[in-house]
């Protein structure tokens, strides 16, 4: 059991199956779901439920976590109970492609997703651990399908929040626009000052105006002493 101290959230995980990493923390921090109880949120590619759990402190709305791997979904369900969040969060063990069999179209205010980062190519070197391979590579779902489902779930003017790798930003923006999702806020994450960005956070609005994209100040993770920067300490530890 690990903990996100800033949110006082406990989370069950295993290095042999799946452990949340900084990208999940930063995605939950970046996302801006409706705060009220009427809000409806879906987290796709939910893994062990980290993003959904972290979002629970930002909203009183209902959150649905969608995860294809049964063992990861079971871990998410146990963490939901551990934090007494059964009335707010539901974890569904389903294929993302089957989302509309269980979730209403055009019905959600917010969709978040920390997707597999790497394409499933014949030359791709994959982790021998099948749980980690599915989490990191587009074996069961690709970015195009994720964005199609995201758009289908969202209401008009609903918001989507993604974390991805900067090298796929062009593809991400193109797919978003093709599915009526207009990128609006972008933030790059850098491991250190002077290094290239290794994450990108993107907010898009369904049927939003095509102009008006904003680039937020960069997030830098570590200082020159390999310690978290003050902003990262605040995000992770709340101080």
C-alpha atoms as a PDB file:
ATOM      1  CA  UNK A   1       0.000   0.000   0.000  1.00  0.00           C
ATOM      2  CA  UNK A   2       1.312   3.438  -0.987  1.00  0.00           C
ATOM      3  CA  UNK A   3      -0.044   6.909  -0.399  1.00  0.00           C
ATOM      4  CA  UNK A   4      -0.388  10.278  -2.110  1.00  0.00           C
ATOM      5  CA  UNK A   5       0.171  12.490   0.897  1.00  0.00           C
ATOM      6  CA  UNK A   6      -1.189  15.686  -0.654  1.00  0.00           C
ATOM      7  CA  UNK A   7      -4.599  14.019  -1.061  1.00  0.00           C
ATOM      8  CA  UNK A   8      -4.399  11.610   1.890  1.00  0.00           C
ATOM      9  CA  UNK A   9      -5.282   8.801  -0.521  1.00  0.00           C
ATOM     10  CA  UNK A  10      -4.111   5.232   0.076  1.00  0.00           C
ATOM     11  CA  UNK A  11      -3.571   3.009  -2.959  1.00  0.00           C
ATOM     12  CA  UNK A  12      -2.906  -0.704  -3.301  1.00  0.00           C
ATOM     13  CA  UNK A  13      -0.326  -1.631  -5.905  1.00  0.00           C
ATOM     14  CA  UNK A  14       2.428  -4.060  -6.812  1.00  0.00           C
ATOM     15  CA  UNK A  15       5.629  -3.538  -8.765  1.00  0.00           C
ATOM     16  CA  UNK A  16       5.026  -6.979 -10.302  1.00  0.00           C
ATOM     17  CA  UNK A  17       1.663  -5.902 -11.739  1.00  0.00           C
ATOM     18  CA  UNK A  18       1.313  -2.133 -11.845  1.00  0.00           C
ATOM     19  CA  UNK A  19       2.386   0.899  -9.836  1.00  0.00           C
ATOM     20  CA  UNK A  20       1.240   4.431 -10.518  1.00  0.00           C
ATOM     21  CA  UNK A  21       3.961   6.888 -11.425  1.00  0.00           C
ATOM     22  CA  UNK A  22       4.404  10.637 -11.599  1.00  0.00           C
ATOM     23  CA  UNK A  23       2.405  10.959 -14.823  1.00  0.00           C
ATOM     24  CA  UNK A  24      -0.769   9.839 -13.014  1.00  0.00           C
ATOM     25  CA  UNK A  25      -0.174  12.355 -10.221  1.00  0.00           C
ATOM     26  CA  UNK A  26       0.441  15.177 -12.696  1.00  0.00           C
ATOM     27  CA  UNK A  27      -2.601  14.267 -14.805  1.00  0.00           C
ATOM     28  CA  UNK A  28      -4.869  14.350 -11.748  1.00  0.00           C
ATOM     29  CA  UNK A  29      -3.337  17.657 -10.697  1.00  0.00           C
ATOM     30  CA  UNK A  30      -3.796  19.130 -14.208  1.00  0.00           C
ATOM     31  CA  UNK A  31      -7.380  17.937 -14.664  1.00  0.00           C
ATOM     32  CA  UNK A  32     -10.208  20.284 -13.724  1.00  0.00           C
ATOM     33  CA  UNK A  33     -13.439  18.300 -13.278  1.00  0.00           C
ATOM     34  CA  UNK A  34     -16.629  20.006 -12.066  1.00  0.00           C
ATOM     35  CA  UNK A  35     -16.471  20.316  -8.291  1.00  0.00           C
ATOM     36  CA  UNK A  36     -20.152  19.725  -7.623  1.00  0.00           C
ATOM     37  CA  UNK A  37     -21.989  16.457  -7.094  1.00  0.00           C
ATOM     38  CA  UNK A  38     -23.710  16.708 -10.479  1.00  0.00           C
ATOM     39  CA  UNK A  39     -20.385  16.271 -12.271  1.00  0.00           C
ATOM     40  CA  UNK A  40     -19.762  13.030 -14.147  1.00  0.00           C
ATOM     41  CA  UNK A  41     -16.186  11.908 -14.779  1.00  0.00           C
ATOM     42  CA  UNK A  42     -14.664   8.906 -16.586  1.00  0.00           C
ATOM     43  CA  UNK A  43     -11.034   7.816 -16.303  1.00  0.00           C
ATOM     44  CA  UNK A  44      -9.978   5.603 -19.221  1.00  0.00           C
ATOM     45  CA  UNK A  45      -6.998   3.181 -19.121  1.00  0.00           C
ATOM     46  CA  UNK A  46      -7.381   3.455 -15.362  1.00  0.00           C
ATOM     47  CA  UNK A  47      -4.787   0.880 -14.265  1.00  0.00           C
ATOM     48  CA  UNK A  48      -5.031   0.454 -10.505  1.00  0.00           C
ATOM     49  CA  UNK A  49      -7.325   3.463 -10.224  1.00  0.00           C
ATOM     50  CA  UNK A  50      -4.721   6.054  -9.230  1.00  0.00           C
ATOM     51  CA  UNK A  51      -6.069   8.968 -11.288  1.00  0.00           C
ATOM     52  CA  UNK A  52      -9.687   8.314 -10.261  1.00  0.00           C
ATOM     53  CA  UNK A  53      -8.686   8.104  -6.608  1.00  0.00           C
ATOM     54  CA  UNK A  54      -6.654  11.307  -6.749  1.00  0.00           C
ATOM     55  CA  UNK A  55      -9.488  13.128  -8.549  1.00  0.00           C
ATOM     56  CA  UNK A  56     -11.904  12.220  -5.765  1.00  0.00           C
ATOM     57  CA  UNK A  57     -10.468  15.030  -3.635  1.00  0.00           C
ATOM     58  CA  UNK A  58     -11.161  17.627  -6.366  1.00  0.00           C
ATOM     59  CA  UNK A  59     -14.840  16.850  -6.946  1.00  0.00           C
ATOM     60  CA  UNK A  60     -17.900  15.394  -5.259  1.00  0.00           C
ATOM     61  CA  UNK A  61     -19.110  14.128  -8.633  1.00  0.00           C
ATOM     62  CA  UNK A  62     -19.335  10.479  -9.612  1.00  0.00           C
ATOM     63  CA  UNK A  63     -16.199   8.939 -11.144  1.00  0.00           C
ATOM     64  CA  UNK A  64     -16.059   5.799 -13.306  1.00  0.00           C
ATOM     65  CA  UNK A  65     -12.701   4.106 -13.880  1.00  0.00           C
ATOM     66  CA  UNK A  66     -12.408   1.852 -16.963  1.00  0.00           C
ATOM     67  CA  UNK A  67      -9.678  -0.816 -17.009  1.00  0.00           C
ATOM     68  CA  UNK A  68      -9.322  -3.904 -19.214  1.00  0.00           C
ATOM     69  CA  UNK A  69      -6.946  -5.891 -16.971  1.00  0.00           C
ATOM     70  CA  UNK A  70      -8.946  -7.773 -14.334  1.00  0.00           C
ATOM     71  CA  UNK A  71      -6.182  -7.880 -11.729  1.00  0.00           C
ATOM     72  CA  UNK A  72      -5.535  -4.137 -11.966  1.00  0.00           C
ATOM     73  CA  UNK A  73      -9.246  -3.379 -11.785  1.00  0.00           C
ATOM     74  CA  UNK A  74      -9.555  -5.570  -8.695  1.00  0.00           C
ATOM     75  CA  UNK A  75      -6.723  -3.598  -7.080  1.00  0.00           C
ATOM     76  CA  UNK A  76      -8.576  -0.377  -7.913  1.00  0.00           C
ATOM     77  CA  UNK A  77     -11.775  -1.743  -6.358  1.00  0.00           C
ATOM     78  CA  UNK A  78      -9.897  -2.654  -3.169  1.00  0.00           C
ATOM     79  CA  UNK A  79      -8.350   0.829  -2.991  1.00  0.00           C
ATOM     80  CA  UNK A  80     -11.780   2.406  -3.464  1.00  0.00           C
ATOM     81  CA  UNK A  81     -13.041   0.447  -0.451  1.00  0.00           C
ATOM     82  CA  UNK A  82      -9.871   1.202   1.523  1.00  0.00           C
ATOM     83  CA  UNK A  83     -10.566   4.921   1.119  1.00  0.00           C
ATOM     84  CA  UNK A  84     -14.340   4.521   1.738  1.00  0.00           C
ATOM     85  CA  UNK A  85     -15.120   5.927  -1.701  1.00  0.00           C
ATOM     86  CA  UNK A  86     -17.603   3.294  -2.888  1.00  0.00           C
ATOM     87  CA  UNK A  87     -20.363   5.912  -3.200  1.00  0.00           C
ATOM     88  CA  UNK A  88     -18.240   8.099  -5.454  1.00  0.00           C
ATOM     89  CA  UNK A  89     -16.009   5.834  -7.585  1.00  0.00           C
ATOM     90  CA  UNK A  90     -16.899   2.758  -9.642  1.00  0.00           C
ATOM     91  CA  UNK A  91     -14.239   0.623 -11.339  1.00  0.00           C
ATOM     92  CA  UNK A  92     -15.355  -1.291 -14.456  1.00  0.00           C
ATOM     93  CA  UNK A  93     -13.341  -4.235 -15.768  1.00  0.00           C
ATOM     94  CA  UNK A  94     -14.219  -3.810 -19.453  1.00  0.00           C
ATOM     95  CA  UNK A  95     -12.550  -3.329 -22.809  1.00  0.00           C
ATOM     96  CA  UNK A  96     -12.421   0.400 -23.528  1.00  0.00           C
ATOM     97  CA  UNK A  97     -13.848  -0.378 -26.984  1.00  0.00           C
ATOM     98  CA  UNK A  98     -17.008  -1.662 -25.239  1.00  0.00           C
ATOM     99  CA  UNK A  99     -17.472   1.505 -23.189  1.00  0.00           C
ATOM    100  CA  UNK A 100     -20.807   2.444 -24.774  1.00  0.00           C
ATOM    101  CA  UNK A 101     -22.353  -0.853 -23.676  1.00  0.00           C
ATOM    102  CA  UNK A 102     -21.942   0.353 -20.087  1.00  0.00           C
ATOM    103  CA  UNK A 103     -21.645   4.153 -20.271  1.00  0.00           C
ATOM    104  CA  UNK A 104     -24.014   6.646 -21.905  1.00  0.00           C
ATOM    105  CA  UNK A 105     -22.847   8.605 -24.914  1.00  0.00           C
ATOM    106  CA  UNK A 106     -22.683  12.396 -24.739  1.00  0.00           C
ATOM    107  CA  UNK A 107     -23.253  12.246 -20.977  1.00  0.00           C
ATOM    108  CA  UNK A 108     -19.986  13.103 -19.201  1.00  0.00           C
ATOM    109  CA  UNK A 109     -18.424  16.388 -18.168  1.00  0.00           C
ATOM    110  CA  UNK A 110     -14.837  15.165 -17.943  1.00  0.00           C
ATOM    111  CA  UNK A 111     -12.733  12.333 -19.349  1.00  0.00           C
ATOM    112  CA  UNK A 112      -9.160  11.740 -18.200  1.00  0.00           C
ATOM    113  CA  UNK A 113      -6.678   9.292 -19.676  1.00  0.00           C
ATOM    114  CA  UNK A 114      -3.116   8.191 -19.019  1.00  0.00           C
ATOM    115  CA  UNK A 115      -2.867   5.911 -22.075  1.00  0.00           C
ATOM    116  CA  UNK A 116      -0.230   3.429 -23.192  1.00  0.00           C
ATOM    117  CA  UNK A 117       2.563   5.609 -24.566  1.00  0.00           C
ATOM    118  CA  UNK A 118       4.122   3.314 -27.146  1.00  0.00           C
ATOM    119  CA  UNK A 119       2.770   1.998 -30.449  1.00  0.00           C
ATOM    120  CA  UNK A 120       2.467  -1.769 -30.843  1.00  0.00           C
ATOM    121  CA  UNK A 121       4.954  -2.245 -33.670  1.00  0.00           C
ATOM    122  CA  UNK A 122       6.670  -5.511 -34.703  1.00  0.00           C
ATOM    123  CA  UNK A 123       9.986  -3.902 -33.764  1.00  0.00           C
ATOM    124  CA  UNK A 124       8.761  -2.649 -30.379  1.00  0.00           C
ATOM    125  CA  UNK A 125      10.655  -4.030 -27.415  1.00  0.00           C
ATOM    126  CA  UNK A 126       8.020  -4.945 -24.860  1.00  0.00           C
ATOM    127  CA  UNK A 127       8.276  -5.831 -21.204  1.00  0.00           C
ATOM    128  CA  UNK A 128       8.110  -9.582 -20.612  1.00  0.00           C
ATOM    129  CA  UNK A 129       5.603  -8.919 -17.844  1.00  0.00           C
ATOM    130  CA  UNK A 130       2.238  -8.933 -19.695  1.00  0.00           C
ATOM    131  CA  UNK A 131       0.615  -6.523 -17.212  1.00  0.00           C
ATOM    132  CA  UNK A 132       3.318  -3.923 -17.791  1.00  0.00           C
ATOM    133  CA  UNK A 133       3.425  -4.564 -21.538  1.00  0.00           C
ATOM    134  CA  UNK A 134      -0.313  -3.820 -21.882  1.00  0.00           C
ATOM    135  CA  UNK A 135      -0.012  -0.718 -19.695  1.00  0.00           C
ATOM    136  CA  UNK A 136       2.860   0.700 -21.761  1.00  0.00           C
ATOM    137  CA  UNK A 137       2.148  -0.436 -25.324  1.00  0.00           C
ATOM    138  CA  UNK A 138      -0.967  -0.105 -27.488  1.00  0.00           C
ATOM    139  CA  UNK A 139      -1.640  -3.842 -27.426  1.00  0.00           C
ATOM    140  CA  UNK A 140      -5.339  -3.773 -26.502  1.00  0.00           C
ATOM    141  CA  UNK A 141      -6.220  -0.240 -27.654  1.00  0.00           C
ATOM    142  CA  UNK A 142      -4.564   2.548 -29.639  1.00  0.00           C
ATOM    143  CA  UNK A 143      -4.655   6.322 -29.288  1.00  0.00           C
ATOM    144  CA  UNK A 144      -7.177   6.755 -32.103  1.00  0.00           C
ATOM    145  CA  UNK A 145      -9.723   4.492 -30.399  1.00  0.00           C
ATOM    146  CA  UNK A 146      -9.124   6.149 -27.026  1.00  0.00           C
ATOM    147  CA  UNK A 147      -9.875   9.570 -28.485  1.00  0.00           C
ATOM    148  CA  UNK A 148     -12.930   8.311 -30.400  1.00  0.00           C
ATOM    149  CA  UNK A 149     -14.359   6.923 -27.153  1.00  0.00           C
ATOM    150  CA  UNK A 150     -13.432  10.085 -25.255  1.00  0.00           C
ATOM    151  CA  UNK A 151     -15.320  12.261 -27.717  1.00  0.00           C
ATOM    152  CA  UNK A 152     -18.308   9.918 -27.671  1.00  0.00           C
ATOM    153  CA  UNK A 153     -18.543  10.034 -23.881  1.00  0.00           C
ATOM    154  CA  UNK A 154     -18.280  13.802 -23.502  1.00  0.00           C
ATOM    155  CA  UNK A 155     -21.137  16.287 -23.523  1.00  0.00           C
ATOM    156  CA  UNK A 156     -20.825  19.352 -25.724  1.00  0.00           C
ATOM    157  CA  UNK A 157     -18.225  21.585 -24.048  1.00  0.00           C
ATOM    158  CA  UNK A 158     -17.084  18.680 -21.912  1.00  0.00           C
ATOM    159  CA  UNK A 159     -13.366  18.518 -21.210  1.00  0.00           C
ATOM    160  CA  UNK A 160     -10.763  15.826 -21.872  1.00  0.00           C
ATOM    161  CA  UNK A 161      -7.396  15.658 -20.122  1.00  0.00           C
ATOM    162  CA  UNK A 162      -4.469  13.587 -21.383  1.00  0.00           C
ATOM    163  CA  UNK A 163      -0.883  12.937 -20.403  1.00  0.00           C
ATOM    164  CA  UNK A 164       1.416  11.586 -23.110  1.00  0.00           C
ATOM    165  CA  UNK A 165       4.907  11.699 -24.558  1.00  0.00           C
ATOM    166  CA  UNK A 166       5.949  14.905 -26.383  1.00  0.00           C
ATOM    167  CA  UNK A 167       7.112  12.941 -29.432  1.00  0.00           C
ATOM    168  CA  UNK A 168       3.482  11.948 -30.058  1.00  0.00           C
ATOM    169  CA  UNK A 169       2.049  15.438 -29.541  1.00  0.00           C
ATOM    170  CA  UNK A 170       1.474  16.038 -33.257  1.00  0.00           C
ATOM    171  CA  UNK A 171      -0.472  12.784 -33.570  1.00  0.00           C
ATOM    172  CA  UNK A 172      -2.397  13.564 -30.384  1.00  0.00           C
ATOM    173  CA  UNK A 173      -3.454  17.030 -31.575  1.00  0.00           C
ATOM    174  CA  UNK A 174      -4.448  15.711 -35.001  1.00  0.00           C
ATOM    175  CA  UNK A 175      -6.592  12.918 -33.560  1.00  0.00           C
ATOM    176  CA  UNK A 176      -8.236  15.269 -31.061  1.00  0.00           C
ATOM    177  CA  UNK A 177      -9.242  17.725 -33.767  1.00  0.00           C
ATOM    178  CA  UNK A 178     -10.553  14.927 -35.971  1.00  0.00           C
ATOM    179  CA  UNK A 179     -12.894  13.917 -33.120  1.00  0.00           C
ATOM    180  CA  UNK A 180     -14.314  17.416 -32.403  1.00  0.00           C
ATOM    181  CA  UNK A 181     -11.928  17.996 -29.497  1.00  0.00           C
ATOM    182  CA  UNK A 182     -10.138  21.351 -29.572  1.00  0.00           C
ATOM    183  CA  UNK A 183      -6.861  21.518 -27.607  1.00  0.00           C
ATOM    184  CA  UNK A 184      -7.029  24.452 -25.183  1.00  0.00           C
ATOM    185  CA  UNK A 185      -4.350  24.124 -22.492  1.00  0.00           C
ATOM    186  CA  UNK A 186      -0.923  22.540 -22.890  1.00  0.00           C
ATOM    187  CA  UNK A 187       1.820  22.052 -20.310  1.00  0.00           C
ATOM    188  CA  UNK A 188       5.215  20.450 -20.834  1.00  0.00           C
ATOM    189  CA  UNK A 189       6.965  18.531 -18.046  1.00  0.00           C
ATOM    190  CA  UNK A 190      10.757  18.524 -17.829  1.00  0.00           C
ATOM    191  CA  UNK A 191      12.791  16.120 -15.675  1.00  0.00           C
ATOM    192  CA  UNK A 192      15.338  18.912 -14.995  1.00  0.00           C
ATOM    193  CA  UNK A 193      16.239  22.394 -16.137  1.00  0.00           C
ATOM    194  CA  UNK A 194      18.109  22.211 -19.434  1.00  0.00           C
ATOM    195  CA  UNK A 195      16.705  18.781 -20.342  1.00  0.00           C
ATOM    196  CA  UNK A 196      14.133  17.962 -23.021  1.00  0.00           C
ATOM    197  CA  UNK A 197      10.512  17.564 -21.959  1.00  0.00           C
ATOM    198  CA  UNK A 198       9.452  13.965 -21.299  1.00  0.00           C
ATOM    199  CA  UNK A 199       5.712  14.489 -20.708  1.00  0.00           C
ATOM    200  CA  UNK A 200       2.958  16.650 -22.161  1.00  0.00           C
ATOM    201  CA  UNK A 201      -0.360  17.465 -20.492  1.00  0.00           C
ATOM    202  CA  UNK A 202      -3.237  18.491 -22.760  1.00  0.00           C
ATOM    203  CA  UNK A 203      -6.753  19.755 -22.093  1.00  0.00           C
ATOM    204  CA  UNK A 204      -9.261  19.669 -24.961  1.00  0.00           C
ATOM    205  CA  UNK A 205     -12.889  20.828 -25.154  1.00  0.00           C
ATOM    206  CA  UNK A 206     -15.553  19.024 -27.175  1.00  0.00           C
ATOM    207  CA  UNK A 207     -16.879  21.313 -29.924  1.00  0.00           C
ATOM    208  CA  UNK A 208     -14.747  24.126 -28.570  1.00  0.00           C
ATOM    209  CA  UNK A 209     -13.553  26.960 -30.771  1.00  0.00           C
ATOM    210  CA  UNK A 210     -10.537  25.915 -32.847  1.00  0.00           C
ATOM    211  CA  UNK A 211      -8.422  28.858 -31.654  1.00  0.00           C
ATOM    212  CA  UNK A 212      -7.212  29.979 -28.264  1.00  0.00           C
ATOM    213  CA  UNK A 213      -4.659  27.314 -27.289  1.00  0.00           C
ATOM    214  CA  UNK A 214      -2.672  28.328 -24.172  1.00  0.00           C
ATOM    215  CA  UNK A 215       0.768  27.064 -23.184  1.00  0.00           C
ATOM    216  CA  UNK A 216       1.194  27.045 -19.419  1.00  0.00           C
ATOM    217  CA  UNK A 217       4.498  27.584 -17.586  1.00  0.00           C
ATOM    218  CA  UNK A 218       6.661  24.454 -17.690  1.00  0.00           C
ATOM    219  CA  UNK A 219       6.757  21.946 -14.853  1.00  0.00           C
ATOM    220  CA  UNK A 220      10.264  20.950 -13.754  1.00  0.00           C
ATOM    221  CA  UNK A 221      10.444  17.781 -11.640  1.00  0.00           C
ATOM    222  CA  UNK A 222      13.946  17.741 -10.097  1.00  0.00           C
ATOM    223  CA  UNK A 223      16.394  20.443  -9.076  1.00  0.00           C
ATOM    224  CA  UNK A 224      20.177  20.274  -9.510  1.00  0.00           C
ATOM    225  CA  UNK A 225      20.439  18.163  -6.336  1.00  0.00           C
ATOM    226  CA  UNK A 226      18.000  15.561  -7.673  1.00  0.00           C
ATOM    227  CA  UNK A 227      15.358  16.655  -5.176  1.00  0.00           C
ATOM    228  CA  UNK A 228      11.782  17.495  -6.128  1.00  0.00           C
ATOM    229  CA  UNK A 229      11.308  21.159  -6.974  1.00  0.00           C
ATOM    230  CA  UNK A 230       9.065  23.151  -4.578  1.00  0.00           C
ATOM    231  CA  UNK A 231       6.086  22.923  -6.927  1.00  0.00           C
ATOM    232  CA  UNK A 232       6.431  19.146  -7.280  1.00  0.00           C
ATOM    233  CA  UNK A 233       6.747  18.758  -3.502  1.00  0.00           C
ATOM    234  CA  UNK A 234       3.512  20.693  -3.115  1.00  0.00           C
ATOM    235  CA  UNK A 235       1.738  18.524  -5.702  1.00  0.00           C
ATOM    236  CA  UNK A 236       2.948  15.260  -4.154  1.00  0.00           C
ATOM    237  CA  UNK A 237       3.149  16.058  -0.436  1.00  0.00           C
ATOM    238  CA  UNK A 238       0.865  19.067  -0.141  1.00  0.00           C
ATOM    239  CA  UNK A 239       3.613  21.282   1.240  1.00  0.00           C
END
